[in-house]
Amino acid sequence: MEKKMSESKRSGYAIRADLLGMAIGILEARNARQWDNEHLKPEGTRSPVNPYATEDVLVVAEKLYDFVQNQNK
């Protein structure tokens, strides 16, 4: 029998830590995609790819958290 997310015994800390890891993964994938796209352009027309900041991680993690919270409504 499959457990629902609401039935798991995970702590809030563990869930938030997972969400931060997911947020970092999303931002790293986005930056890698941007870097690849820039290197497809001819040299001299490329733009720098800015790294993500801690604030960016928190914004994405909060969006993920909001998504999880709204699934029960």
N, C-alpha and C. Protein backbone atom coordinates (compact mmCIF):
# COMPACT_ATOMS: atom_id res chain seq x y z
N MET A 1 0.84 -1.19 0.00
CA MET A 1 0.00 0.00 0.00
C MET A 1 0.88 1.25 0.00
N GLU A 2 0.55 2.18 -0.84
CA GLU A 2 1.34 3.39 -0.98
C GLU A 2 0.93 4.43 0.05
N LYS A 3 1.92 5.07 0.66
CA LYS A 3 1.63 6.12 1.65
C LYS A 3 1.44 7.45 0.95
N LYS A 4 0.52 8.24 1.45
CA LYS A 4 0.35 9.61 0.98
C LYS A 4 1.39 10.46 1.67
N MET A 5 1.72 11.58 1.04
CA MET A 5 2.72 12.48 1.63
C MET A 5 2.31 12.93 3.02
N SER A 6 1.02 13.15 3.23
CA SER A 6 0.55 13.64 4.52
C SER A 6 0.68 12.59 5.61
N GLU A 7 0.85 11.31 5.24
CA GLU A 7 0.97 10.24 6.23
C GLU A 7 2.42 9.96 6.62
N SER A 8 3.38 10.58 5.95
CA SER A 8 4.78 10.31 6.26
C SER A 8 5.15 10.95 7.59
N LYS A 9 6.16 10.41 8.22
CA LYS A 9 6.60 10.88 9.54
C LYS A 9 7.84 11.76 9.44
N ARG A 10 8.01 12.47 8.35
CA ARG A 10 9.19 13.32 8.17
C ARG A 10 9.01 14.63 8.92
N SER A 11 10.11 15.10 9.47
CA SER A 11 10.06 16.37 10.20
C SER A 11 9.99 17.54 9.22
N GLY A 12 9.53 18.66 9.72
CA GLY A 12 9.50 19.88 8.92
C GLY A 12 10.88 20.29 8.47
N TYR A 13 11.88 20.06 9.34
CA TYR A 13 13.26 20.39 9.00
C TYR A 13 13.72 19.57 7.80
N ALA A 14 13.43 18.28 7.80
CA ALA A 14 13.86 17.40 6.71
C ALA A 14 13.18 17.80 5.40
N ILE A 15 11.92 18.14 5.48
CA ILE A 15 11.19 18.56 4.27
C ILE A 15 11.77 19.86 3.72
N ARG A 16 12.03 20.82 4.60
CA ARG A 16 12.61 22.10 4.14
C ARG A 16 14.01 21.89 3.57
N ALA A 17 14.79 21.01 4.17
CA ALA A 17 16.14 20.72 3.64
C ALA A 17 16.04 20.12 2.24
N ASP A 18 15.09 19.21 2.03
CA ASP A 18 14.87 18.63 0.71
C ASP A 18 14.47 19.69 -0.30
N LEU A 19 13.59 20.60 0.11
CA LEU A 19 13.14 21.66 -0.79
C LEU A 19 14.29 22.59 -1.17
N LEU A 20 15.19 22.86 -0.22
CA LEU A 20 16.36 23.69 -0.55
C LEU A 20 17.24 22.97 -1.57
N GLY A 21 17.41 21.67 -1.38
CA GLY A 21 18.20 20.90 -2.35
C GLY A 21 17.57 20.90 -3.73
N MET A 22 16.25 20.77 -3.78
CA MET A 22 15.54 20.82 -5.06
C MET A 22 15.69 22.19 -5.70
N ALA A 23 15.59 23.24 -4.90
CA ALA A 23 15.72 24.60 -5.43
C ALA A 23 17.11 24.82 -6.02
N ILE A 24 18.14 24.34 -5.33
CA ILE A 24 19.51 24.47 -5.84
C ILE A 24 19.63 23.71 -7.16
N GLY A 25 19.06 22.52 -7.22
CA GLY A 25 19.11 21.74 -8.46
C GLY A 25 18.43 22.45 -9.62
N ILE A 26 17.29 23.06 -9.35
CA ILE A 26 16.57 23.80 -10.39
C ILE A 26 17.42 24.96 -10.90
N LEU A 27 18.02 25.70 -9.98
CA LEU A 27 18.83 26.86 -10.37
C LEU A 27 20.11 26.44 -11.09
N GLU A 28 20.73 25.35 -10.65
CA GLU A 28 21.93 24.87 -11.33
C GLU A 28 21.60 24.42 -12.75
N ALA A 29 20.48 23.74 -12.91
CA ALA A 29 20.07 23.29 -14.25
C ALA A 29 19.78 24.49 -15.14
N ARG A 30 19.13 25.51 -14.58
CA ARG A 30 18.83 26.71 -15.36
C ARG A 30 20.11 27.40 -15.81
N ASN A 31 21.08 27.53 -14.89
CA ASN A 31 22.34 28.18 -15.25
C ASN A 31 23.12 27.36 -16.28
N ALA A 32 23.10 26.04 -16.14
CA ALA A 32 23.80 25.19 -17.12
C ALA A 32 23.18 25.34 -18.50
N ARG A 33 21.85 25.40 -18.56
CA ARG A 33 21.15 25.59 -19.83
C ARG A 33 21.49 26.95 -20.44
N GLN A 34 21.51 28.00 -19.60
CA GLN A 34 21.86 29.33 -20.09
C GLN A 34 23.30 29.35 -20.60
N TRP A 35 24.20 28.70 -19.88
CA TRP A 35 25.61 28.65 -20.28
C TRP A 35 25.74 27.95 -21.63
N ASP A 36 25.06 26.79 -21.77
CA ASP A 36 25.09 26.06 -23.04
C ASP A 36 24.54 26.91 -24.18
N ASN A 37 23.43 27.61 -23.93
CA ASN A 37 22.83 28.45 -24.96
C ASN A 37 23.76 29.59 -25.36
N GLU A 38 24.44 30.18 -24.41
CA GLU A 38 25.36 31.27 -24.72
C GLU A 38 26.53 30.78 -25.56
N HIS A 39 26.98 29.56 -25.31
CA HIS A 39 28.13 29.04 -26.07
C HIS A 39 27.74 28.54 -27.45
N LEU A 40 26.46 28.51 -27.76
CA LEU A 40 26.02 28.22 -29.13
C LEU A 40 26.09 29.47 -30.00
N LYS A 41 26.14 30.63 -29.37
CA LYS A 41 26.21 31.90 -30.10
C LYS A 41 27.64 32.11 -30.59
N PRO A 42 27.79 32.88 -31.66
CA PRO A 42 29.15 33.19 -32.14
C PRO A 42 29.93 33.96 -31.08
N GLU A 43 31.22 33.72 -31.06
CA GLU A 43 32.08 34.43 -30.11
C GLU A 43 31.97 35.93 -30.36
N GLY A 44 31.92 36.69 -29.31
CA GLY A 44 31.77 38.14 -29.42
C GLY A 44 30.33 38.58 -29.22
N THR A 45 29.38 37.65 -29.29
CA THR A 45 27.97 38.00 -29.07
C THR A 45 27.44 37.34 -27.80
N ARG A 46 28.30 36.63 -27.10
CA ARG A 46 27.88 35.92 -25.89
C ARG A 46 27.75 36.87 -24.71
N SER A 47 26.80 36.57 -23.86
CA SER A 47 26.60 37.34 -22.62
C SER A 47 27.03 36.46 -21.45
N PRO A 48 27.50 37.08 -20.38
CA PRO A 48 27.87 36.27 -19.21
C PRO A 48 26.62 35.67 -18.55
N VAL A 49 26.81 34.52 -17.96
CA VAL A 49 25.73 33.87 -17.21
C VAL A 49 25.99 34.17 -15.73
N ASN A 50 25.06 34.87 -15.14
CA ASN A 50 25.22 35.26 -13.74
C ASN A 50 24.91 34.08 -12.81
N PRO A 51 25.72 33.90 -11.78
CA PRO A 51 25.43 32.82 -10.82
C PRO A 51 24.19 33.18 -10.00
N TYR A 52 23.59 32.16 -9.44
CA TYR A 52 22.42 32.42 -8.59
C TYR A 52 22.89 32.79 -7.19
N ALA A 53 22.05 33.54 -6.50
CA ALA A 53 22.36 33.98 -5.15
C ALA A 53 21.54 33.19 -4.14
N THR A 54 21.89 33.30 -2.89
CA THR A 54 21.15 32.63 -1.81
C THR A 54 19.69 33.02 -1.85
N GLU A 55 19.43 34.29 -2.13
CA GLU A 55 18.04 34.77 -2.20
C GLU A 55 17.26 34.04 -3.28
N ASP A 56 17.92 33.74 -4.41
CA ASP A 56 17.26 33.00 -5.49
C ASP A 56 16.86 31.60 -5.02
N VAL A 57 17.73 30.95 -4.25
CA VAL A 57 17.43 29.62 -3.72
C VAL A 57 16.21 29.69 -2.81
N LEU A 58 16.17 30.69 -1.95
CA LEU A 58 15.05 30.82 -1.03
C LEU A 58 13.73 31.09 -1.75
N VAL A 59 13.77 31.90 -2.80
CA VAL A 59 12.55 32.20 -3.56
C VAL A 59 12.01 30.93 -4.22
N VAL A 60 12.89 30.15 -4.85
CA VAL A 60 12.44 28.92 -5.50
C VAL A 60 11.96 27.92 -4.46
N ALA A 61 12.66 27.79 -3.35
CA ALA A 61 12.25 26.86 -2.29
C ALA A 61 10.88 27.25 -1.73
N GLU A 62 10.63 28.54 -1.56
CA GLU A 62 9.33 28.99 -1.06
C GLU A 62 8.22 28.65 -2.05
N LYS A 63 8.50 28.77 -3.35
CA LYS A 63 7.50 28.40 -4.36
C LYS A 63 7.19 26.91 -4.28
N LEU A 64 8.23 26.10 -4.10
CA LEU A 64 8.02 24.65 -3.97
C LEU A 64 7.22 24.34 -2.71
N TYR A 65 7.55 25.02 -1.62
CA TYR A 65 6.85 24.80 -0.36
C TYR A 65 5.37 25.18 -0.48
N ASP A 66 5.11 26.32 -1.12
CA ASP A 66 3.73 26.76 -1.34
C ASP A 66 2.97 25.73 -2.18
N PHE A 67 3.63 25.17 -3.18
CA PHE A 67 3.00 24.16 -4.02
C PHE A 67 2.61 22.94 -3.18
N VAL A 68 3.53 22.50 -2.34
CA VAL A 68 3.26 21.33 -1.49
C VAL A 68 2.12 21.62 -0.52
N GLN A 69 2.12 22.80 0.08
CA GLN A 69 1.09 23.17 1.04
C GLN A 69 -0.28 23.25 0.38
N ASN A 70 -0.36 23.73 -0.85
CA ASN A 70 -1.63 23.92 -1.53
C ASN A 70 -2.21 22.62 -2.07
N GLN A 71 -1.45 21.56 -2.08
CA GLN A 71 -1.95 20.28 -2.60
C GLN A 71 -2.99 19.67 -1.69
N ASN A 72 -2.98 20.05 -0.42
CA ASN A 72 -3.93 19.48 0.54
C ASN A 72 -5.25 20.24 0.58
N LYS A 73 -5.37 21.31 -0.14
CA LYS A 73 -6.58 22.13 -0.11
C LYS A 73 -7.56 21.70 -1.16
